[in-house]
């Protein structure tokens, strides 16, 4: 993938974690996808996410339901790139969790 990484592909730096399912108190999950904060900032993704999910907290835990994800994927190639992974997530869960810094 161009933007998102699996945990074993992450280099030094800070990452947002997109975790399948509801938050369970753990981070660094192998089945999550990770997005480097520099990419996040450079592409102004906070503004987009906040427009669709007003309660987004870049330093906390945010629930993302399928309808919200579809809106994100329709408006950003970063999220569109993750769409196949997200579709699998939503087959198993009603939500995913965006874990902030």
N, C-alpha and C. Protein backbone atom coordinates (compact mmCIF):
# COMPACT_ATOMS: atom_id res chain seq x y z
N UNK A 1 0.84 -1.18 0.00
CA UNK A 1 0.00 0.00 0.00
C UNK A 1 0.88 1.24 0.00
N UNK A 2 0.35 2.27 -0.57
CA UNK A 2 1.10 3.53 -0.66
C UNK A 2 1.12 4.30 0.65
N UNK A 3 0.01 4.29 1.38
CA UNK A 3 -0.11 5.10 2.59
C UNK A 3 -0.13 4.29 3.88
N UNK A 4 -0.96 3.28 3.94
CA UNK A 4 -1.16 2.51 5.17
C UNK A 4 -0.17 1.35 5.25
N UNK A 5 0.16 0.97 6.47
CA UNK A 5 1.11 -0.10 6.70
C UNK A 5 0.56 -1.10 7.71
N UNK A 6 1.08 -2.31 7.63
CA UNK A 6 0.88 -3.27 8.70
C UNK A 6 1.96 -2.99 9.74
N UNK A 7 1.78 -3.46 10.95
CA UNK A 7 2.68 -3.11 12.04
C UNK A 7 4.14 -3.46 11.73
N UNK A 8 4.37 -4.58 11.06
CA UNK A 8 5.75 -4.98 10.77
C UNK A 8 6.39 -4.14 9.67
N UNK A 9 5.62 -3.28 9.01
CA UNK A 9 6.15 -2.39 7.98
C UNK A 9 6.38 -0.97 8.49
N UNK A 10 5.99 -0.70 9.72
CA UNK A 10 6.12 0.65 10.27
C UNK A 10 7.57 0.94 10.62
N UNK A 11 8.00 2.13 10.26
CA UNK A 11 9.33 2.60 10.61
C UNK A 11 9.19 3.52 11.82
N UNK A 12 10.27 4.15 12.20
CA UNK A 12 10.22 5.08 13.33
C UNK A 12 9.20 6.18 13.06
N UNK A 13 8.60 6.65 14.12
CA UNK A 13 7.63 7.73 14.00
C UNK A 13 6.34 7.39 14.72
N UNK A 14 5.41 8.31 14.65
CA UNK A 14 4.11 8.13 15.29
C UNK A 14 3.08 7.72 14.25
N UNK A 15 2.15 6.88 14.67
CA UNK A 15 1.16 6.33 13.76
C UNK A 15 -0.23 6.36 14.39
N UNK A 16 -1.22 6.59 13.56
CA UNK A 16 -2.61 6.35 13.92
C UNK A 16 -2.88 4.88 13.63
N UNK A 17 -3.61 4.23 14.52
CA UNK A 17 -3.93 2.81 14.34
C UNK A 17 -5.41 2.67 14.00
N UNK A 18 -5.70 1.94 12.95
CA UNK A 18 -7.07 1.60 12.56
C UNK A 18 -7.26 0.14 12.93
N UNK A 19 -8.02 -0.09 14.00
CA UNK A 19 -8.17 -1.41 14.59
C UNK A 19 -9.54 -2.00 14.25
N UNK A 20 -9.60 -3.25 13.79
CA UNK A 20 -10.89 -3.88 13.56
C UNK A 20 -11.68 -4.02 14.85
N UNK A 21 -12.96 -3.69 14.78
CA UNK A 21 -13.84 -3.88 15.92
C UNK A 21 -13.76 -2.79 16.96
N UNK A 22 -14.47 -3.00 18.07
CA UNK A 22 -14.48 -2.02 19.16
C UNK A 22 -13.15 -2.04 19.90
N UNK A 23 -12.81 -0.91 20.49
CA UNK A 23 -11.56 -0.79 21.26
C UNK A 23 -11.60 -1.74 22.45
N UNK A 24 -10.52 -2.49 22.61
CA UNK A 24 -10.44 -3.47 23.69
C UNK A 24 -9.31 -3.18 24.67
N UNK A 25 -8.78 -1.96 24.62
CA UNK A 25 -7.73 -1.58 25.55
C UNK A 25 -6.33 -1.89 25.08
N UNK A 26 -6.21 -2.52 23.92
CA UNK A 26 -4.89 -2.87 23.39
C UNK A 26 -4.53 -1.98 22.20
N UNK A 27 -3.25 -1.77 22.01
CA UNK A 27 -2.74 -1.11 20.81
C UNK A 27 -1.64 -1.98 20.22
N UNK A 28 -1.19 -1.64 19.03
CA UNK A 28 -0.15 -2.43 18.39
C UNK A 28 -0.65 -3.77 17.88
N UNK A 29 -1.89 -3.80 17.45
CA UNK A 29 -2.53 -5.03 16.99
C UNK A 29 -2.03 -5.43 15.60
N UNK A 30 -1.77 -6.71 15.41
CA UNK A 30 -1.26 -7.20 14.15
C UNK A 30 -2.27 -7.10 13.01
N UNK A 31 -3.56 -7.13 13.33
CA UNK A 31 -4.57 -7.06 12.28
C UNK A 31 -5.03 -5.63 11.99
N UNK A 32 -4.40 -4.66 12.62
CA UNK A 32 -4.70 -3.24 12.37
C UNK A 32 -3.90 -2.73 11.18
N UNK A 33 -4.32 -1.59 10.67
CA UNK A 33 -3.52 -0.84 9.70
C UNK A 33 -3.06 0.44 10.38
N UNK A 34 -1.91 0.95 9.94
CA UNK A 34 -1.27 2.10 10.58
C UNK A 34 -1.00 3.17 9.54
N UNK A 35 -1.22 4.41 9.94
CA UNK A 35 -1.01 5.57 9.07
C UNK A 35 -0.08 6.54 9.79
N UNK A 36 1.03 6.84 9.16
CA UNK A 36 2.02 7.74 9.75
C UNK A 36 1.44 9.13 9.95
N UNK A 37 1.73 9.73 11.09
CA UNK A 37 1.19 11.04 11.42
C UNK A 37 1.64 12.11 10.41
N UNK A 38 2.81 11.96 9.84
CA UNK A 38 3.27 12.95 8.85
C UNK A 38 2.38 12.93 7.61
N UNK A 39 2.00 11.76 7.15
CA UNK A 39 1.08 11.65 6.02
C UNK A 39 -0.27 12.23 6.42
N UNK A 40 -0.73 11.85 7.60
CA UNK A 40 -2.00 12.34 8.14
C UNK A 40 -2.04 13.87 8.12
N UNK A 41 -0.97 14.49 8.62
CA UNK A 41 -0.91 15.95 8.68
C UNK A 41 -0.75 16.57 7.29
N UNK A 42 0.15 16.02 6.48
CA UNK A 42 0.40 16.58 5.15
C UNK A 42 -0.85 16.60 4.28
N UNK A 43 -1.68 15.58 4.42
CA UNK A 43 -2.89 15.47 3.59
C UNK A 43 -4.12 16.05 4.29
N UNK A 44 -3.91 16.68 5.45
CA UNK A 44 -4.97 17.36 6.19
C UNK A 44 -6.16 16.44 6.46
N UNK A 45 -5.86 15.22 6.87
CA UNK A 45 -6.91 14.24 7.11
C UNK A 45 -7.72 14.53 8.36
N UNK A 46 -7.14 15.25 9.32
CA UNK A 46 -7.90 15.61 10.52
C UNK A 46 -9.14 16.41 10.16
N UNK A 47 -8.98 17.35 9.24
CA UNK A 47 -10.11 18.18 8.83
C UNK A 47 -11.20 17.34 8.18
N UNK A 48 -10.80 16.42 7.32
CA UNK A 48 -11.78 15.56 6.65
C UNK A 48 -12.50 14.67 7.65
N UNK A 49 -11.74 14.02 8.51
CA UNK A 49 -12.36 13.13 9.49
C UNK A 49 -13.31 13.90 10.40
N UNK A 50 -12.88 15.05 10.86
CA UNK A 50 -13.72 15.85 11.76
C UNK A 50 -15.00 16.31 11.09
N UNK A 51 -14.95 16.55 9.80
CA UNK A 51 -16.15 16.92 9.05
C UNK A 51 -17.17 15.78 9.05
N UNK A 52 -16.68 14.56 8.95
CA UNK A 52 -17.56 13.39 8.87
C UNK A 52 -17.86 12.81 10.26
N UNK A 53 -16.87 12.88 11.14
CA UNK A 53 -17.01 12.36 12.50
C UNK A 53 -16.63 13.49 13.46
N UNK A 54 -17.57 14.35 13.80
CA UNK A 54 -17.26 15.53 14.62
C UNK A 54 -16.59 15.23 15.96
N UNK A 55 -16.84 14.05 16.53
CA UNK A 55 -16.25 13.71 17.81
C UNK A 55 -14.84 13.14 17.70
N UNK A 56 -14.25 13.14 16.50
CA UNK A 56 -12.89 12.63 16.31
C UNK A 56 -11.92 13.31 17.26
N UNK A 57 -11.08 12.50 17.91
CA UNK A 57 -10.06 12.99 18.83
C UNK A 57 -8.73 12.40 18.40
N UNK A 58 -7.84 13.23 17.88
CA UNK A 58 -6.57 12.72 17.36
C UNK A 58 -5.65 12.19 18.47
N UNK A 59 -6.02 12.41 19.72
CA UNK A 59 -5.23 11.88 20.84
C UNK A 59 -6.00 10.85 21.64
N UNK A 60 -7.13 10.41 21.12
CA UNK A 60 -7.96 9.47 21.86
C UNK A 60 -8.46 8.34 21.00
N UNK A 61 -9.60 7.83 21.36
CA UNK A 61 -10.23 6.69 20.72
C UNK A 61 -11.48 7.16 19.99
N UNK A 62 -11.60 6.81 18.71
CA UNK A 62 -12.75 7.21 17.91
C UNK A 62 -13.36 5.98 17.24
N UNK A 63 -14.65 5.80 17.39
CA UNK A 63 -15.37 4.72 16.71
C UNK A 63 -15.73 5.18 15.31
N UNK A 64 -15.54 4.29 14.33
CA UNK A 64 -15.88 4.59 12.94
C UNK A 64 -16.82 3.51 12.44
N UNK A 65 -18.05 3.89 12.11
CA UNK A 65 -19.02 2.93 11.57
C UNK A 65 -18.91 2.91 10.04
N UNK A 66 -19.52 1.91 9.44
CA UNK A 66 -19.35 1.67 8.00
C UNK A 66 -19.76 2.86 7.15
N UNK A 67 -20.87 3.52 7.48
CA UNK A 67 -21.31 4.66 6.68
C UNK A 67 -20.29 5.80 6.72
N UNK A 68 -19.71 6.02 7.88
CA UNK A 68 -18.67 7.05 7.99
C UNK A 68 -17.45 6.67 7.18
N UNK A 69 -17.08 5.40 7.23
CA UNK A 69 -15.92 4.94 6.47
C UNK A 69 -16.14 5.13 4.97
N UNK A 70 -17.32 4.79 4.50
CA UNK A 70 -17.62 4.97 3.07
C UNK A 70 -17.46 6.42 2.65
N UNK A 71 -17.88 7.34 3.50
CA UNK A 71 -17.72 8.76 3.19
C UNK A 71 -16.25 9.16 3.15
N UNK A 72 -15.47 8.64 4.08
CA UNK A 72 -14.03 8.92 4.10
C UNK A 72 -13.36 8.37 2.84
N UNK A 73 -13.70 7.14 2.49
CA UNK A 73 -13.08 6.50 1.32
C UNK A 73 -13.47 7.19 0.02
N UNK A 74 -14.66 7.75 -0.02
CA UNK A 74 -15.11 8.45 -1.23
C UNK A 74 -14.39 9.79 -1.41
N UNK A 75 -13.82 10.32 -0.33
CA UNK A 75 -13.23 11.66 -0.40
C UNK A 75 -11.72 11.70 -0.22
N UNK A 76 -11.10 10.55 -0.01
CA UNK A 76 -9.65 10.54 0.19
C UNK A 76 -9.05 9.25 -0.36
N UNK A 77 -8.01 9.39 -1.15
CA UNK A 77 -7.36 8.20 -1.69
C UNK A 77 -6.67 7.39 -0.60
N UNK A 78 -6.32 8.02 0.51
CA UNK A 78 -5.73 7.29 1.63
C UNK A 78 -6.72 6.24 2.14
N UNK A 79 -7.94 6.67 2.39
CA UNK A 79 -8.95 5.75 2.90
C UNK A 79 -9.46 4.81 1.81
N UNK A 80 -9.51 5.28 0.58
CA UNK A 80 -9.91 4.42 -0.54
C UNK A 80 -8.94 3.25 -0.68
N UNK A 81 -7.65 3.52 -0.45
CA UNK A 81 -6.64 2.47 -0.52
C UNK A 81 -6.89 1.37 0.51
N UNK A 82 -7.47 1.73 1.62
CA UNK A 82 -7.73 0.80 2.71
C UNK A 82 -9.10 0.13 2.60
N UNK A 83 -9.84 0.39 1.54
CA UNK A 83 -11.23 -0.03 1.43
C UNK A 83 -11.42 -1.55 1.49
N UNK A 84 -10.57 -2.32 0.82
CA UNK A 84 -10.73 -3.79 0.85
C UNK A 84 -10.56 -4.31 2.28
N UNK A 85 -9.56 -3.78 2.98
CA UNK A 85 -9.34 -4.15 4.37
C UNK A 85 -10.57 -3.76 5.21
N UNK A 86 -11.07 -2.55 5.02
CA UNK A 86 -12.22 -2.06 5.78
C UNK A 86 -13.47 -2.91 5.49
N UNK A 87 -13.66 -3.30 4.24
CA UNK A 87 -14.82 -4.14 3.90
C UNK A 87 -14.78 -5.45 4.68
N UNK A 88 -13.60 -6.03 4.82
CA UNK A 88 -13.45 -7.25 5.62
C UNK A 88 -13.76 -6.99 7.09
N UNK A 89 -13.31 -5.84 7.58
CA UNK A 89 -13.59 -5.47 8.98
C UNK A 89 -15.09 -5.40 9.21
N UNK A 90 -15.80 -4.71 8.31
CA UNK A 90 -17.24 -4.51 8.50
C UNK A 90 -18.07 -5.77 8.25
N UNK A 91 -17.48 -6.79 7.67
CA UNK A 91 -18.16 -8.09 7.58
C UNK A 91 -18.18 -8.77 8.94
N UNK A 92 -17.18 -8.47 9.77
CA UNK A 92 -17.06 -9.12 11.08
C UNK A 92 -17.58 -8.26 12.24
N UNK A 93 -17.49 -6.93 12.08
CA UNK A 93 -17.82 -6.01 13.17
C UNK A 93 -18.74 -4.90 12.68
N UNK A 94 -19.40 -4.26 13.61
CA UNK A 94 -20.24 -3.10 13.28
C UNK A 94 -19.43 -1.82 13.24
N UNK A 95 -18.18 -1.87 13.70
CA UNK A 95 -17.35 -0.67 13.79
C UNK A 95 -15.88 -1.03 13.72
N UNK A 96 -15.07 -0.01 13.48
CA UNK A 96 -13.63 -0.10 13.66
C UNK A 96 -13.26 1.01 14.62
N UNK A 97 -12.06 0.95 15.14
CA UNK A 97 -11.59 1.94 16.10
C UNK A 97 -10.38 2.66 15.53
N UNK A 98 -10.42 3.96 15.56
CA UNK A 98 -9.28 4.79 15.17
C UNK A 98 -8.60 5.22 16.47
N UNK A 99 -7.39 4.72 16.68
CA UNK A 99 -6.64 5.01 17.90
C UNK A 99 -5.66 6.13 17.60
N UNK A 100 -5.83 7.23 18.29
CA UNK A 100 -4.99 8.39 18.06
C UNK A 100 -3.64 8.29 18.75
N UNK A 101 -2.92 9.39 18.68
CA UNK A 101 -1.58 9.45 19.24
C UNK A 101 -1.64 9.44 20.74
